[in-house]
Amino acid sequence: MSQLDNKVFHALGSDTRIRMLELLEEEERHISKLARMLGISVPVAAKHAKILEEADLVERKIFGKTHVLKPNRENIYLAMNVFAPTKLIEVEKGTTLLDALRGVAAIKVQKKGDREVIVSTDGEEGLYVYEINGEFSEKSVQNCVLDEDTTIEWKKLEPVTKIKLDIHVKK
């Protein structure tokens, strides 16, 4: 585990810092406002913010004496990658990604329109995408032919809320 991973998990080991991240997900906030919302002093909030910043989970913008924090969402999501297992498999040249996946996981495929899509991996239903050597592919798993050594990252699209809409309709 890298030094940054250790900092991330240390940063997430505090209820106060997790609550700070939750508040920052709603909108960018300055440290003194976070302190008031959390019922802690500004120096204590600043210490927590520094730990989140060192773990690269928040970014700080400085306007004069005002320090505004915003979440670094990409690094928050990347922190979860440490839990992904790596499976080493050997396949014949020309094997499709679908066949390779079937060799290491229980795959459920369904017909959607004119193509088949994977709707479940090891019993976990959801939408899945994959990267080949760090790049997203436009090909379906049936059309992705493996001709050389490669690294595939099989990713389940998690339902992460990007924005909440509280809509009130005028009467």
Protein backbone atom coordinates (compact mmCIF):
# COMPACT_ATOMS: atom_id res chain seq x y z
CA MET A 1 0.00 0.00 0.00
CA SER A 2 1.40 3.40 -0.94
CA GLN A 3 2.02 6.31 1.39
CA LEU A 4 -0.87 8.18 -0.27
CA ASP A 5 -3.20 5.22 0.34
CA ASN A 6 -2.23 5.30 4.02
CA LYS A 7 -3.01 9.03 4.16
CA VAL A 8 -6.37 8.48 2.48
CA PHE A 9 -7.43 5.80 4.93
CA HIS A 10 -6.15 7.84 7.87
CA ALA A 11 -8.16 10.81 6.59
CA LEU A 12 -11.30 8.70 6.23
CA GLY A 13 -10.83 7.29 9.74
CA SER A 14 -12.51 10.28 11.36
CA ASP A 15 -16.26 10.89 11.56
CA THR A 16 -15.58 14.64 11.54
CA ARG A 17 -13.60 14.46 8.29
CA ILE A 18 -16.18 12.22 6.66
CA ARG A 19 -18.88 14.72 7.65
CA MET A 20 -16.72 17.51 6.19
CA LEU A 21 -16.56 15.64 2.89
CA GLU A 22 -20.34 15.14 2.95
CA LEU A 23 -20.87 18.88 3.48
CA LEU A 24 -18.40 19.72 0.72
CA GLU A 25 -20.25 17.42 -1.69
CA GLU A 26 -23.23 19.80 -1.37
CA GLU A 27 -21.12 22.88 -2.21
CA GLU A 28 -17.71 24.44 -1.74
CA ARG A 29 -17.37 25.96 1.72
CA HIS A 30 -14.89 28.02 3.66
CA ILE A 31 -13.30 26.50 6.74
CA SER A 32 -15.05 28.81 9.22
CA LYS A 33 -18.46 27.85 7.83
CA LEU A 34 -17.56 24.16 8.05
CA ALA A 35 -16.49 24.72 11.67
CA ARG A 36 -19.85 26.35 12.51
CA MET A 37 -21.82 23.60 10.76
CA LEU A 38 -19.86 20.90 12.60
CA GLY A 39 -19.91 22.67 15.96
CA ILE A 40 -16.11 22.75 16.24
CA SER A 41 -13.55 25.55 16.45
CA VAL A 42 -11.95 26.99 13.32
CA PRO A 43 -8.46 25.74 14.34
CA VAL A 44 -9.81 22.20 14.79
CA ALA A 45 -11.62 22.40 11.44
CA ALA A 46 -8.40 23.67 9.84
CA LYS A 47 -6.46 20.68 11.22
CA HIS A 48 -9.05 18.27 9.81
CA ALA A 49 -8.99 20.13 6.48
CA LYS A 50 -5.17 19.86 6.37
CA ILE A 51 -5.38 16.07 6.83
CA LEU A 52 -7.95 15.82 4.01
CA GLU A 53 -5.76 18.04 1.85
CA GLU A 54 -2.60 15.97 2.51
CA ALA A 55 -4.58 12.88 1.46
CA ASP A 56 -5.54 14.76 -1.73
CA LEU A 57 -9.25 14.37 -0.95
CA VAL A 58 -9.95 18.13 -0.95
CA GLU A 59 -8.58 21.11 -2.80
CA ARG A 60 -8.08 24.51 -1.19
CA LYS A 61 -8.58 27.86 -2.88
CA ILE A 62 -7.33 30.94 -1.06
CA PHE A 63 -9.01 34.33 -1.45
CA GLY A 64 -7.16 36.73 0.83
CA LYS A 65 -7.63 35.27 4.31
CA THR A 66 -10.54 33.07 3.28
CA HIS A 67 -9.79 29.43 2.56
CA VAL A 68 -12.45 27.63 0.51
CA LEU A 69 -12.46 23.85 0.23
CA LYS A 70 -13.93 21.62 -2.44
CA PRO A 71 -13.83 17.84 -2.72
CA ASN A 72 -11.39 16.15 -5.06
CA ARG A 73 -13.96 13.63 -6.28
CA GLU A 74 -11.64 11.82 -8.65
CA ASN A 75 -9.23 10.90 -5.84
CA ILE A 76 -12.08 9.92 -3.55
CA TYR A 77 -13.26 7.43 -6.17
CA LEU A 78 -9.71 6.25 -6.96
CA ALA A 79 -9.15 5.48 -3.27
CA MET A 80 -11.65 2.64 -3.60
CA ASN A 81 -9.59 0.93 -6.35
CA VAL A 82 -7.24 -0.49 -3.71
CA PHE A 83 -9.97 -3.02 -2.88
CA ALA A 84 -10.20 -4.43 -6.42
CA PRO A 85 -8.72 -7.93 -6.62
CA THR A 86 -6.26 -8.72 -9.41
CA LYS A 87 -6.66 -12.05 -11.17
CA LEU A 88 -3.92 -13.41 -13.41
CA ILE A 89 -5.27 -15.45 -16.30
CA GLU A 90 -3.77 -16.95 -19.43
CA VAL A 91 -5.78 -17.16 -22.66
CA GLU A 92 -5.14 -18.17 -26.25
CA LYS A 93 -4.48 -15.43 -28.79
CA GLY A 94 -7.80 -14.31 -30.30
CA THR A 95 -9.86 -14.99 -27.17
CA THR A 96 -12.64 -12.48 -26.64
CA LEU A 97 -12.85 -10.45 -23.47
CA LEU A 98 -16.22 -12.09 -22.77
CA ASP A 99 -14.63 -15.55 -22.80
CA ALA A 100 -11.74 -14.34 -20.62
CA LEU A 101 -14.21 -12.87 -18.11
CA ARG A 102 -16.16 -16.12 -18.04
CA GLY A 103 -12.96 -17.83 -16.97
CA VAL A 104 -12.71 -15.81 -13.74
CA ALA A 105 -16.24 -14.64 -12.89
CA ALA A 106 -19.88 -15.67 -13.16
CA ILE A 107 -21.16 -13.50 -16.01
CA LYS A 108 -24.83 -12.99 -16.87
CA VAL A 109 -25.53 -11.67 -20.37
CA GLN A 110 -28.84 -10.27 -21.63
CA LYS A 111 -30.00 -9.11 -25.04
CA LYS A 112 -30.59 -5.33 -25.06
CA GLY A 113 -31.79 -4.10 -28.42
CA ASP A 114 -29.48 -5.46 -31.09
CA ARG A 115 -26.59 -6.39 -28.78
CA GLU A 116 -25.84 -8.48 -25.76
CA VAL A 117 -24.66 -6.75 -22.60
CA ILE A 118 -23.32 -8.03 -19.30
CA VAL A 119 -25.87 -7.31 -16.58
CA SER A 120 -24.29 -9.19 -13.71
CA THR A 121 -20.79 -10.14 -12.56
CA ASP A 122 -20.51 -12.65 -9.71
CA GLY A 123 -24.16 -12.03 -8.85
CA GLU A 124 -23.82 -8.23 -8.69
CA GLU A 125 -26.30 -6.72 -11.09
CA GLY A 126 -25.48 -3.38 -12.65
CA LEU A 127 -23.96 -1.60 -15.60
CA TYR A 128 -20.37 -2.48 -16.43
CA VAL A 129 -17.65 -0.86 -18.51
CA TYR A 130 -14.02 -1.77 -19.03
CA GLU A 131 -10.67 -0.15 -19.69
CA ILE A 132 -7.85 -1.69 -21.69
CA ASN A 133 -4.47 -0.54 -20.39
CA GLY A 134 -6.13 2.51 -18.82
CA GLU A 135 -8.23 3.50 -21.85
CA PHE A 136 -11.98 3.05 -22.23
CA SER A 137 -12.94 0.89 -25.20
CA GLU A 138 -15.82 1.42 -27.58
CA LYS A 139 -15.98 -2.30 -28.40
CA SER A 140 -18.40 -4.72 -26.81
CA VAL A 141 -16.88 -7.53 -24.76
CA GLN A 142 -17.87 -9.93 -27.56
CA ASN A 143 -15.91 -7.88 -30.11
CA CYS A 144 -12.87 -7.17 -27.96
CA VAL A 145 -10.28 -9.70 -29.13
CA LEU A 146 -7.19 -10.23 -27.00
CA ASP A 147 -4.09 -10.53 -29.19
CA GLU A 148 -1.39 -9.42 -26.74
CA ASP A 149 -0.70 -9.12 -23.02
CA THR A 150 -2.97 -6.48 -21.57
CA THR A 151 -4.50 -5.20 -18.38
CA ILE A 152 -8.27 -4.99 -18.22
CA GLU A 153 -10.07 -3.04 -15.50
CA TRP A 154 -13.65 -4.29 -15.25
CA LYS A 155 -15.71 -1.56 -13.60
CA LYS A 156 -19.19 -1.54 -12.23
CA LEU A 157 -20.87 1.81 -12.65
CA GLU A 158 -22.00 2.68 -9.17
CA PRO A 159 -25.03 4.93 -8.68
CA VAL A 160 -23.14 7.94 -7.34
CA THR A 161 -25.36 10.97 -7.11
CA LYS A 162 -23.82 13.84 -9.07
CA ILE A 163 -26.57 16.32 -8.27
CA LYS A 164 -29.84 16.22 -6.37
CA LEU A 165 -32.82 18.14 -7.64
CA ASP A 166 -35.46 19.21 -5.14
CA ILE A 167 -38.16 20.31 -7.57
CA HIS A 168 -41.19 22.25 -6.48
CA VAL A 169 -43.94 22.73 -9.04
CA LYS A 170 -45.88 25.97 -8.83
CA LYS A 171 -49.60 25.48 -8.40
